[in-house]
């Protein structure tokens, strides 16, 4: 049976299943953990909070889609590869 994600967890639920809190934070952005009904912690998704640095430089798509990504030294068509499958036995 699949459990539904919730936005608020008790401290006891957090201690029993921290991965459920992490999944909920990834889904909702942040989750509140309460201690005796009082908010005690906020668990947030690191990507949404801007804590995970993005890769520096252009992506592979950006490199090959722009004119600077085309290599003028390549001339002609590549040779066709011949692959032979040999089944032992």
PDB file of N, CA and C in Angstrom:
ATOM      1  N   UNK A   1       0.841  -1.171   0.000  1.00  0.00           N
ATOM      2  CA  UNK A   1       0.000   0.000   0.000  1.00  0.00           C
ATOM      3  C   UNK A   1       0.891   1.241   0.000  1.00  0.00           C
ATOM      4  N   UNK A   2       0.676   2.124  -0.941  1.00  0.00           N
ATOM      5  CA  UNK A   2       1.482   3.333  -1.043  1.00  0.00           C
ATOM      6  C   UNK A   2       1.023   4.360  -0.017  1.00  0.00           C
ATOM      7  N   UNK A   3       1.979   4.969   0.647  1.00  0.00           N
ATOM      8  CA  UNK A   3       1.661   6.002   1.629  1.00  0.00           C
ATOM      9  C   UNK A   3       1.579   7.343   0.936  1.00  0.00           C
ATOM     10  N   UNK A   4       0.648   8.163   1.365  1.00  0.00           N
ATOM     11  CA  UNK A   4       0.560   9.503   0.804  1.00  0.00           C
ATOM     12  C   UNK A   4       1.554  10.398   1.531  1.00  0.00           C
ATOM     13  N   UNK A   5       2.095  11.330   0.800  1.00  0.00           N
ATOM     14  CA  UNK A   5       3.059  12.252   1.399  1.00  0.00           C
ATOM     15  C   UNK A   5       2.320  13.322   2.181  1.00  0.00           C
ATOM     16  N   UNK A   6       2.892  13.721   3.290  1.00  0.00           N
ATOM     17  CA  UNK A   6       2.292  14.771   4.101  1.00  0.00           C
ATOM     18  C   UNK A   6       3.297  15.889   4.267  1.00  0.00           C
ATOM     19  N   UNK A   7       2.808  17.065   4.660  1.00  0.00           N
ATOM     20  CA  UNK A   7       3.669  18.232   4.811  1.00  0.00           C
ATOM     21  C   UNK A   7       4.085  18.474   6.248  1.00  0.00           C
ATOM     22  N   UNK A   8       3.490  17.740   7.184  1.00  0.00           N
ATOM     23  CA  UNK A   8       3.827  17.915   8.590  1.00  0.00           C
ATOM     24  C   UNK A   8       4.023  16.547   9.229  1.00  0.00           C
ATOM     25  N   UNK A   9       5.105  16.395   9.972  1.00  0.00           N
ATOM     26  CA  UNK A   9       5.437  15.146  10.646  1.00  0.00           C
ATOM     27  C   UNK A   9       5.678  15.430  12.111  1.00  0.00           C
ATOM     28  N   UNK A  10       5.346  14.475  12.956  1.00  0.00           N
ATOM     29  CA  UNK A  10       5.716  14.594  14.364  1.00  0.00           C
ATOM     30  C   UNK A  10       7.179  14.182  14.495  1.00  0.00           C
ATOM     31  N   UNK A  11       7.777  14.547  15.607  1.00  0.00           N
ATOM     32  CA  UNK A  11       9.173  14.162  15.859  1.00  0.00           C
ATOM     33  C   UNK A  11       9.307  12.648  15.880  1.00  0.00           C
ATOM     34  N   UNK A  12       8.307  11.974  16.404  1.00  0.00           N
ATOM     35  CA  UNK A  12       8.332  10.512  16.447  1.00  0.00           C
ATOM     36  C   UNK A  12       8.305   9.929  15.029  1.00  0.00           C
ATOM     37  N   UNK A  13       7.449  10.468  14.151  1.00  0.00           N
ATOM     38  CA  UNK A  13       7.405   9.998  12.756  1.00  0.00           C
ATOM     39  C   UNK A  13       8.731  10.269  12.056  1.00  0.00           C
ATOM     40  N   UNK A  14       9.303  11.429  12.340  1.00  0.00           N
ATOM     41  CA  UNK A  14      10.598  11.782  11.749  1.00  0.00           C
ATOM     42  C   UNK A  14      11.676  10.787  12.159  1.00  0.00           C
ATOM     43  N   UNK A  15      11.690  10.409  13.441  1.00  0.00           N
ATOM     44  CA  UNK A  15      12.684   9.454  13.925  1.00  0.00           C
ATOM     45  C   UNK A  15      12.471   8.050  13.368  1.00  0.00           C
ATOM     46  N   UNK A  16      11.223   7.662  13.171  1.00  0.00           N
ATOM     47  CA  UNK A  16      10.930   6.325  12.634  1.00  0.00           C
ATOM     48  C   UNK A  16      11.246   6.196  11.156  1.00  0.00           C
ATOM     49  N   UNK A  17      10.940   7.250  10.395  1.00  0.00           N
ATOM     50  CA  UNK A  17      11.081   7.151   8.935  1.00  0.00           C
ATOM     51  C   UNK A  17      11.594   8.465   8.342  1.00  0.00           C
ATOM     52  N   UNK A  18      12.885   8.773   8.547  1.00  0.00           N
ATOM     53  CA  UNK A  18      13.409  10.032   8.011  1.00  0.00           C
ATOM     54  C   UNK A  18      13.376  10.103   6.492  1.00  0.00           C
ATOM     55  N   UNK A  19      13.414   8.951   5.818  1.00  0.00           N
ATOM     56  CA  UNK A  19      13.367   8.987   4.348  1.00  0.00           C
ATOM     57  C   UNK A  19      12.003   9.450   3.848  1.00  0.00           C
ATOM     58  N   UNK A  20      10.933   9.198   4.595  1.00  0.00           N
ATOM     59  CA  UNK A  20       9.609   9.702   4.212  1.00  0.00           C
ATOM     60  C   UNK A  20       9.579  11.222   4.290  1.00  0.00           C
ATOM     61  N   UNK A  21      10.249  11.771   5.296  1.00  0.00           N
ATOM     62  CA  UNK A  21      10.333  13.224   5.430  1.00  0.00           C
ATOM     63  C   UNK A  21      11.143  13.796   4.262  1.00  0.00           C
ATOM     64  N   UNK A  22      12.222  13.128   3.903  1.00  0.00           N
ATOM     65  CA  UNK A  22      13.045  13.581   2.778  1.00  0.00           C
ATOM     66  C   UNK A  22      12.260  13.536   1.470  1.00  0.00           C
ATOM     67  N   UNK A  23      11.489  12.467   1.247  1.00  0.00           N
ATOM     68  CA  UNK A  23      10.669  12.380   0.030  1.00  0.00           C
ATOM     69  C   UNK A  23       9.632  13.495  -0.014  1.00  0.00           C
ATOM     70  N   UNK A  24       9.004  13.756   1.127  1.00  0.00           N
ATOM     71  CA  UNK A  24       7.997  14.821   1.182  1.00  0.00           C
ATOM     72  C   UNK A  24       8.630  16.187   0.932  1.00  0.00           C
ATOM     73  N   UNK A  25       9.831  16.420   1.472  1.00  0.00           N
ATOM     74  CA  UNK A  25      10.521  17.690   1.247  1.00  0.00           C
ATOM     75  C   UNK A  25      10.876  17.859  -0.218  1.00  0.00           C
ATOM     76  N   UNK A  26      11.253  16.771  -0.855  1.00  0.00           N
ATOM     77  CA  UNK A  26      11.566  16.828  -2.287  1.00  0.00           C
ATOM     78  C   UNK A  26      10.308  17.155  -3.092  1.00  0.00           C
ATOM     79  N   UNK A  27       9.166  16.614  -2.681  1.00  0.00           N
ATOM     80  CA  UNK A  27       7.901  16.841  -3.375  1.00  0.00           C
ATOM     81  C   UNK A  27       7.350  18.239  -3.125  1.00  0.00           C
ATOM     82  N   UNK A  28       7.319  18.660  -1.866  1.00  0.00           N
ATOM     83  CA  UNK A  28       6.654  19.909  -1.497  1.00  0.00           C
ATOM     84  C   UNK A  28       7.596  21.094  -1.331  1.00  0.00           C
ATOM     85  N   UNK A  29       8.880  20.870  -1.272  1.00  0.00           N
ATOM     86  CA  UNK A  29       9.833  21.954  -1.071  1.00  0.00           C
ATOM     87  C   UNK A  29      10.288  22.050   0.370  1.00  0.00           C
ATOM     88  N   UNK A  30       9.334  22.019   1.303  1.00  0.00           N
ATOM     89  CA  UNK A  30       9.705  21.993   2.714  1.00  0.00           C
ATOM     90  C   UNK A  30       8.625  21.296   3.521  1.00  0.00           C
ATOM     91  N   UNK A  31       9.055  20.734   4.642  1.00  0.00           N
ATOM     92  CA  UNK A  31       8.190  19.958   5.520  1.00  0.00           C
ATOM     93  C   UNK A  31       8.457  20.423   6.945  1.00  0.00           C
ATOM     94  N   UNK A  32       7.414  20.487   7.750  1.00  0.00           N
ATOM     95  CA  UNK A  32       7.539  20.904   9.148  1.00  0.00           C
ATOM     96  C   UNK A  32       7.533  19.663  10.033  1.00  0.00           C
ATOM     97  N   UNK A  33       8.468  19.617  10.972  1.00  0.00           N
ATOM     98  CA  UNK A  33       8.513  18.554  11.980  1.00  0.00           C
ATOM     99  C   UNK A  33       8.121  19.193  13.304  1.00  0.00           C
ATOM    100  N   UNK A  34       7.105  18.618  13.942  1.00  0.00           N
ATOM    101  CA  UNK A  34       6.608  19.189  15.193  1.00  0.00           C
ATOM    102  C   UNK A  34       7.036  18.349  16.387  1.00  0.00           C
ATOM    103  N   UNK A  35       7.171  19.007  17.521  1.00  0.00           N
ATOM    104  CA  UNK A  35       7.464  18.346  18.785  1.00  0.00           C
ATOM    105  C   UNK A  35       6.355  18.750  19.753  1.00  0.00           C
ATOM    106  N   UNK A  36       5.467  17.788  20.063  1.00  0.00           N
ATOM    107  CA  UNK A  36       4.301  18.034  20.914  1.00  0.00           C
ATOM    108  C   UNK A  36       3.409  19.127  20.355  1.00  0.00           C
ATOM    109  N   UNK A  37       3.226  19.091  19.054  1.00  0.00           N
ATOM    110  CA  UNK A  37       2.332  20.031  18.387  1.00  0.00           C
ATOM    111  C   UNK A  37       2.934  21.379  18.052  1.00  0.00           C
ATOM    112  N   UNK A  38       4.168  21.617  18.467  1.00  0.00           N
ATOM    113  CA  UNK A  38       4.825  22.895  18.211  1.00  0.00           C
ATOM    114  C   UNK A  38       5.871  22.692  17.118  1.00  0.00           C
ATOM    115  N   UNK A  39       5.864  23.524  16.061  1.00  0.00           N
ATOM    116  CA  UNK A  39       6.885  23.383  15.020  1.00  0.00           C
ATOM    117  C   UNK A  39       8.291  23.467  15.609  1.00  0.00           C
ATOM    118  N   UNK A  40       9.097  22.465  15.297  1.00  0.00           N
ATOM    119  CA  UNK A  40      10.453  22.403  15.837  1.00  0.00           C
ATOM    120  C   UNK A  40      11.517  22.494  14.755  1.00  0.00           C
ATOM    121  N   UNK A  41      11.240  21.877  13.595  1.00  0.00           N
ATOM    122  CA  UNK A  41      12.210  21.848  12.501  1.00  0.00           C
ATOM    123  C   UNK A  41      11.498  22.088  11.181  1.00  0.00           C
ATOM    124  N   UNK A  42      12.240  22.603  10.232  1.00  0.00           N
ATOM    125  CA  UNK A  42      11.766  22.672   8.857  1.00  0.00           C
ATOM    126  C   UNK A  42      12.803  21.952   8.015  1.00  0.00           C
ATOM    127  N   UNK A  43      12.364  20.932   7.297  1.00  0.00           N
ATOM    128  CA  UNK A  43      13.245  20.190   6.403  1.00  0.00           C
ATOM    129  C   UNK A  43      12.949  20.684   4.995  1.00  0.00           C
ATOM    130  N   UNK A  44      13.983  21.095   4.298  1.00  0.00           N
ATOM    131  CA  UNK A  44      13.802  21.655   2.964  1.00  0.00           C
ATOM    132  C   UNK A  44      14.624  20.883   1.939  1.00  0.00           C
ATOM    133  N   UNK A  45      14.185  20.923   0.705  1.00  0.00           N
ATOM    134  CA  UNK A  45      14.912  20.296  -0.393  1.00  0.00           C
ATOM    135  C   UNK A  45      16.080  21.202  -0.775  1.00  0.00           C
ATOM    136  N   UNK A  46      17.274  20.666  -0.805  1.00  0.00           N
ATOM    137  CA  UNK A  46      18.470  21.466  -1.063  1.00  0.00           C
ATOM    138  C   UNK A  46      18.461  22.094  -2.451  1.00  0.00           C
ATOM    139  N   UNK A  47      17.931  21.401  -3.450  1.00  0.00           N
ATOM    140  CA  UNK A  47      17.886  21.964  -4.798  1.00  0.00           C
ATOM    141  C   UNK A  47      16.971  23.180  -4.861  1.00  0.00           C
ATOM    142  N   UNK A  48      15.793  23.065  -4.252  1.00  0.00           N
ATOM    143  CA  UNK A  48      14.849  24.187  -4.270  1.00  0.00           C
ATOM    144  C   UNK A  48      15.330  25.361  -3.437  1.00  0.00           C
ATOM    145  N   UNK A  49      16.099  25.086  -2.408  1.00  0.00           N
ATOM    146  CA  UNK A  49      16.609  26.154  -1.550  1.00  0.00           C
ATOM    147  C   UNK A  49      17.839  26.828  -2.144  1.00  0.00           C
ATOM    148  N   UNK A  50      18.343  26.325  -3.258  1.00  0.00           N
ATOM    149  CA  UNK A  50      19.510  26.912  -3.903  1.00  0.00           C
ATOM    150  C   UNK A  50      20.811  26.555  -3.214  1.00  0.00           C
ATOM    151  N   UNK A  51      20.820  25.449  -2.472  1.00  0.00           N
ATOM    152  CA  UNK A  51      22.024  25.056  -1.748  1.00  0.00           C
ATOM    153  C   UNK A  51      22.947  24.158  -2.560  1.00  0.00           C
ATOM    154  N   UNK A  52      22.457  23.635  -3.667  1.00  0.00           N
ATOM    155  CA  UNK A  52      23.260  22.760  -4.514  1.00  0.00           C
ATOM    156  C   UNK A  52      23.754  23.593  -5.696  1.00  0.00           C
ATOM    157  N   UNK A  53      25.061  23.743  -5.826  1.00  0.00           N
ATOM    158  CA  UNK A  53      25.577  24.573  -6.930  1.00  0.00           C
ATOM    159  C   UNK A  53      25.325  23.918  -8.277  1.00  0.00           C
ATOM    160  N   UNK A  54      25.016  24.750  -9.245  1.00  0.00           N
ATOM    161  CA  UNK A  54      24.834  24.263 -10.605  1.00  0.00           C
ATOM    162  C   UNK A  54      26.200  24.006 -11.226  1.00  0.00           C
ATOM    163  N   UNK A  55      26.209  23.155 -12.225  1.00  0.00           N
ATOM    164  CA  UNK A  55      27.454  22.869 -12.934  1.00  0.00           C
ATOM    165  C   UNK A  55      27.940  24.148 -13.624  1.00  0.00           C
ATOM    166  N   UNK A  56      29.238  24.361 -13.599  1.00  0.00           N
ATOM    167  CA  UNK A  56      29.794  25.553 -14.225  1.00  0.00           C
ATOM    168  C   UNK A  56      30.038  25.289 -15.701  1.00  0.00           C
ATOM    169  N   UNK A  57      29.900  26.325 -16.482  1.00  0.00           N
ATOM    170  CA  UNK A  57      30.153  26.214 -17.900  1.00  0.00           C
ATOM    171  C   UNK A  57      28.905  25.771 -18.651  1.00  0.00           C
ATOM    172  N   UNK A  58      28.990  25.738 -19.950  1.00  0.00           N
ATOM    173  CA  UNK A  58      27.831  25.379 -20.765  1.00  0.00           C
ATOM    174  C   UNK A  58      27.527  23.885 -20.703  1.00  0.00           C
ATOM    175  N   UNK A  59      26.280  23.548 -20.940  1.00  0.00           N
ATOM    176  CA  UNK A  59      25.903  22.142 -21.006  1.00  0.00           C
ATOM    177  C   UNK A  59      26.376  21.562 -22.331  1.00  0.00           C
ATOM    178  N   UNK A  60      26.337  20.255 -22.443  1.00  0.00           N
ATOM    179  CA  UNK A  60      26.731  19.600 -23.683  1.00  0.00           C
ATOM    180  C   UNK A  60      25.841  20.045 -24.837  1.00  0.00           C
ATOM    181  N   UNK A  61      24.551  20.214 -24.569  1.00  0.00           N
ATOM    182  CA  UNK A  61      23.623  20.687 -25.595  1.00  0.00           C
ATOM    183  C   UNK A  61      24.007  22.080 -26.063  1.00  0.00           C
ATOM    184  N   UNK A  62      24.360  22.962 -25.137  1.00  0.00           N
ATOM    185  CA  UNK A  62      24.757  24.316 -25.509  1.00  0.00           C
ATOM    186  C   UNK A  62      26.041  24.320 -26.338  1.00  0.00           C
ATOM    187  N   UNK A  63      26.955  23.443 -26.003  1.00  0.00           N
ATOM    188  CA  UNK A  63      28.223  23.384 -26.729  1.00  0.00           C
ATOM    189  C   UNK A  63      27.997  22.984 -28.182  1.00  0.00           C
ATOM    190  N   UNK A  64      27.148  21.976 -28.402  1.00  0.00           N
ATOM    191  CA  UNK A  64      26.967  21.477 -29.759  1.00  0.00           C
ATOM    192  C   UNK A  64      25.903  22.220 -30.552  1.00  0.00           C
ATOM    193  N   UNK A  65      25.085  23.046 -29.911  1.00  0.00           N
ATOM    194  CA  UNK A  65      24.045  23.738 -30.654  1.00  0.00           C
ATOM    195  C   UNK A  65      24.510  25.076 -31.205  1.00  0.00           C
ATOM    196  N   UNK A  66      25.566  25.637 -30.656  1.00  0.00           N
ATOM    197  CA  UNK A  66      26.058  26.921 -31.117  1.00  0.00           C
ATOM    198  C   UNK A  66      27.111  26.765 -32.197  1.00  0.00           C
ATOM    199  N   UNK A  67      27.418  27.867 -32.899  1.00  0.00           N
ATOM    200  CA  UNK A  67      28.430  27.789 -33.973  1.00  0.00           C
ATOM    201  C   UNK A  67      29.815  27.449 -33.442  1.00  0.00           C
ATOM    202  N   UNK A  68      30.093  27.783 -32.174  1.00  0.00           N
ATOM    203  CA  UNK A  68      31.404  27.451 -31.627  1.00  0.00           C
ATOM    204  C   UNK A  68      31.546  25.969 -31.329  1.00  0.00           C
ATOM    205  N   UNK A  69      30.429  25.223 -31.380  1.00  0.00           N
ATOM    206  CA  UNK A  69      30.473  23.795 -31.101  1.00  0.00           C
ATOM    207  C   UNK A  69      30.771  22.952 -32.324  1.00  0.00           C
ATOM    208  N   UNK A  70      30.804  23.570 -33.493  1.00  0.00           N
ATOM    209  CA  UNK A  70      31.042  22.827 -34.735  1.00  0.00           C
ATOM    210  C   UNK A  70      32.538  22.815 -35.020  1.00  0.00           C
ATOM    211  N   UNK A  71      33.065  21.631 -35.262  1.00  0.00           N
ATOM    212  CA  UNK A  71      34.488  21.494 -35.534  1.00  0.00           C
ATOM    213  C   UNK A  71      34.697  21.516 -37.046  1.00  0.00           C
ATOM    214  N   UNK A  72      35.355  22.548 -37.552  1.00  0.00           N
ATOM    215  CA  UNK A  72      35.572  22.694 -38.995  1.00  0.00           C
ATOM    216  C   UNK A  72      36.626  21.733 -39.523  1.00  0.00           C
ATOM    217  N   UNK A  73      37.370  21.074 -38.634  1.00  0.00           N
ATOM    218  CA  UNK A  73      38.410  20.156 -39.077  1.00  0.00           C
ATOM    219  C   UNK A  73      37.835  18.821 -39.537  1.00  0.00           C
ATOM    220  N   UNK A  74      36.604  18.526 -39.197  1.00  0.00           N
ATOM    221  CA  UNK A  74      36.007  17.249 -39.579  1.00  0.00           C
ATOM    222  C   UNK A  74      35.448  17.382 -40.994  1.00  0.00           C
ATOM    223  N   UNK A  75      35.934  16.500 -41.887  1.00  0.00           N
ATOM    224  CA  UNK A  75      35.516  16.550 -43.285  1.00  0.00           C
ATOM    225  C   UNK A  75      35.007  15.174 -43.679  1.00  0.00           C
ATOM    226  N   UNK A  76      33.905  15.126 -44.410  1.00  0.00           N
ATOM    227  CA  UNK A  76      33.398  13.865 -44.919  1.00  0.00           C
ATOM    228  C   UNK A  76      32.495  13.164 -43.921  1.00  0.00           C
ATOM    229  N   UNK A  77      32.110  11.955 -44.307  1.00  0.00           N
ATOM    230  CA  UNK A  77      31.216  11.134 -43.491  1.00  0.00           C
ATOM    231  C   UNK A  77      32.027  10.073 -42.748  1.00  0.00           C
ATOM    232  N   UNK A  78      31.627   9.710 -41.571  1.00  0.00           N
ATOM    233  CA  UNK A  78      32.338   8.643 -40.866  1.00  0.00           C
ATOM    234  C   UNK A  78      32.084   7.292 -41.531  1.00  0.00           C
ATOM    235  N   UNK A  79      33.036   6.383 -41.367  1.00  0.00           N
ATOM    236  CA  UNK A  79      32.870   5.044 -41.921  1.00  0.00           C
ATOM    237  C   UNK A  79      31.787   4.306 -41.148  1.00  0.00           C
ATOM    238  N   UNK A  80      31.083   3.426 -41.862  1.00  0.00           N
ATOM    239  CA  UNK A  80      30.064   2.623 -41.202  1.00  0.00           C
ATOM    240  C   UNK A  80      30.746   1.549 -40.370  1.00  0.00           C
ATOM    241  N   UNK A  81      30.233   1.325 -39.191  1.00  0.00           N
ATOM    242  CA  UNK A  81      30.762   0.292 -38.319  1.00  0.00           C
ATOM    243  C   UNK A  81      30.076  -1.029 -38.651  1.00  0.00           C
ATOM    244  N   UNK A  82      30.856  -2.088 -38.677  1.00  0.00           N
ATOM    245  CA  UNK A  82      30.313  -3.423 -38.901  1.00  0.00           C
ATOM    246  C   UNK A  82      30.432  -4.189 -37.603  1.00  0.00           C
ATOM    247  N   UNK A  83      29.302  -4.621 -37.083  1.00  0.00           N
ATOM    248  CA  UNK A  83      29.290  -5.350 -35.816  1.00  0.00           C
ATOM    249  C   UNK A  83      28.800  -6.758 -36.092  1.00  0.00           C
ATOM    250  N   UNK A  84      29.601  -7.739 -35.721  1.00  0.00           N
ATOM    251  CA  UNK A  84      29.244  -9.136 -35.931  1.00  0.00           C
ATOM    252  C   UNK A  84      28.959  -9.767 -34.591  1.00  0.00           C
ATOM    253  N   UNK A  85      27.808 -10.384 -34.461  1.00  0.00           N
ATOM    254  CA  UNK A  85      27.416 -11.032 -33.216  1.00  0.00           C
ATOM    255  C   UNK A  85      27.746 -12.508 -33.330  1.00  0.00           C
ATOM    256  N   UNK A  86      28.550 -12.996 -32.407  1.00  0.00           N
ATOM    257  CA  UNK A  86      28.895 -14.412 -32.394  1.00  0.00           C
ATOM    258  C   UNK A  86      28.343 -15.022 -31.113  1.00  0.00           C
ATOM    259  N   UNK A  87      27.498 -16.021 -31.281  1.00  0.00           N
ATOM    260  CA  UNK A  87      26.912 -16.706 -30.145  1.00  0.00           C
ATOM    261  C   UNK A  87      27.712 -17.974 -29.883  1.00  0.00           C
ATOM    262  N   UNK A  88      28.298 -18.097 -28.678  1.00  0.00           N
ATOM    263  CA  UNK A  88      29.105 -19.284 -28.393  1.00  0.00           C
ATOM    264  C   UNK A  88      28.241 -20.538 -28.309  1.00  0.00           C
ATOM    265  N   UNK A  89      28.827 -21.638 -28.710  1.00  0.00           N
ATOM    266  CA  UNK A  89      28.142 -22.907 -28.540  1.00  0.00           C
ATOM    267  C   UNK A  89      27.808 -23.545 -29.775  1.00  0.00           C
TER     268      UNK A  89
END
